[in-house]
Amino acid sequence: MNESNVDQVHQAATEAAIQEGIKAEVKIVLEKKAGETTFRRHIEASDARAALNGLAILIVEYAKIVGLEVTKVLSLLAVSLTAPVLRRDKEHEKAGE
């Protein structure tokens, strides 16, 4: 599959996710109050697919806002989600656990 075909498949998948998201009922709430270090989060959706499509749409829109490719945003998310785990694993190794 050449790069043009990959782009077409990616675009089609993005459009399909957006269309599914439009059809589904999804409510995503993320709230953080000033001075607090934690977020209150709540997702309501008609099913798991609808919830994931809602998250996918948020990621696509965020990528547009910051001017990055979606794959770069996902890469950054993956690193930010795994980095604390990697640090914690190294600390356990040093402690002999």
Protein backbone atom coordinates (compact mmCIF):
# COMPACT_ATOMS: atom_id res chain seq x y z
CA MET A 1 0.00 0.00 0.00
CA ASN A 2 1.57 3.31 -1.04
CA GLU A 3 1.43 6.55 0.93
CA SER A 4 -1.47 7.94 -1.11
CA ASN A 5 -3.57 4.86 -0.37
CA VAL A 6 -2.70 5.05 3.32
CA ASP A 7 -3.82 8.69 3.37
CA GLN A 8 -7.08 7.76 1.65
CA VAL A 9 -7.74 4.93 4.11
CA HIS A 10 -6.93 7.23 7.04
CA GLN A 11 -9.25 9.93 5.70
CA ALA A 12 -12.04 7.40 5.14
CA ALA A 13 -11.63 6.01 8.66
CA THR A 14 -11.66 9.52 10.12
CA GLU A 15 -14.83 10.42 8.22
CA ALA A 16 -16.47 7.14 9.27
CA ALA A 17 -15.62 7.81 12.94
CA ILE A 18 -17.03 11.31 12.67
CA GLN A 19 -20.24 10.02 11.07
CA GLU A 20 -20.60 7.36 13.80
CA GLY A 21 -19.98 10.03 16.41
CA ILE A 22 -22.68 12.20 14.90
CA LYS A 23 -25.19 9.34 14.99
CA ALA A 24 -24.39 8.28 18.55
CA GLU A 25 -25.22 9.99 21.79
CA VAL A 26 -22.08 10.77 23.75
CA LYS A 27 -21.46 13.05 26.71
CA ILE A 28 -17.90 13.61 27.92
CA VAL A 29 -17.33 15.68 31.05
CA LEU A 30 -13.89 16.66 32.29
CA GLU A 31 -13.70 19.07 35.17
CA LYS A 32 -10.74 20.36 37.16
CA LYS A 33 -11.14 23.02 39.77
CA ALA A 34 -8.45 25.60 40.44
CA GLY A 35 -5.91 24.40 42.98
CA GLU A 36 -6.83 20.74 42.62
CA THR A 37 -4.50 18.21 41.04
CA THR A 38 -7.15 15.73 39.97
CA PHE A 39 -9.84 15.78 37.31
CA ARG A 40 -13.43 14.66 37.62
CA ARG A 41 -14.24 12.72 34.49
CA HIS A 42 -17.38 11.09 33.25
CA ILE A 43 -18.32 9.56 29.90
CA GLU A 44 -21.88 8.64 28.99
CA ALA A 45 -22.47 6.93 25.65
CA SER A 46 -25.00 4.69 23.98
CA ASP A 47 -22.28 2.00 23.70
CA ALA A 48 -18.51 1.52 23.89
CA ARG A 49 -18.05 2.24 20.18
CA ALA A 50 -19.83 5.56 20.58
CA ALA A 51 -17.58 6.48 23.51
CA LEU A 52 -14.43 5.62 21.56
CA ASN A 53 -15.67 7.53 18.53
CA GLY A 54 -16.29 10.54 20.77
CA LEU A 55 -12.73 10.34 22.04
CA ALA A 56 -11.44 9.94 18.47
CA ILE A 57 -13.27 13.08 17.40
CA LEU A 58 -11.75 14.98 20.33
CA ILE A 59 -8.26 13.84 19.29
CA VAL A 60 -8.84 14.81 15.64
CA GLU A 61 -10.16 18.24 16.64
CA TYR A 62 -7.27 18.75 19.06
CA ALA A 63 -4.80 17.90 16.29
CA LYS A 64 -6.41 20.57 14.10
CA ILE A 65 -6.23 23.16 16.88
CA VAL A 66 -2.53 22.60 17.60
CA GLY A 67 -1.63 22.10 13.94
CA LEU A 68 -0.24 18.57 14.26
CA GLU A 69 -0.98 15.35 12.44
CA VAL A 70 -3.28 13.03 14.36
CA THR A 71 -0.52 10.39 14.48
CA LYS A 72 1.80 12.87 16.19
CA VAL A 73 -0.86 13.72 18.78
CA LEU A 74 -1.40 10.01 19.41
CA SER A 75 2.35 9.48 19.74
CA LEU A 76 2.57 12.26 22.30
CA LEU A 77 -0.37 10.80 24.21
CA ALA A 78 1.23 7.36 24.19
CA VAL A 79 4.50 8.72 25.54
CA SER A 80 2.78 10.80 28.22
CA LEU A 81 0.68 7.83 29.29
CA THR A 82 3.57 5.36 29.46
CA ALA A 83 6.38 7.61 30.73
CA PRO A 84 5.23 7.58 34.39
CA VAL A 85 4.93 3.79 34.22
CA LEU A 86 8.43 3.48 32.80
CA ARG A 87 9.85 5.68 35.54
CA ARG A 88 7.98 3.72 38.21
CA ASP A 89 9.28 0.40 36.77
CA LYS A 90 12.87 1.68 36.90
CA GLU A 91 12.38 2.77 40.52
CA HIS A 92 11.12 -0.73 41.39
CA GLU A 93 14.17 -2.28 39.68
CA LYS A 94 16.53 -0.07 41.70
CA ALA A 95 14.69 -0.97 44.92
CA GLY A 96 15.05 -4.67 44.11
CA GLU A 97 11.32 -5.28 43.71
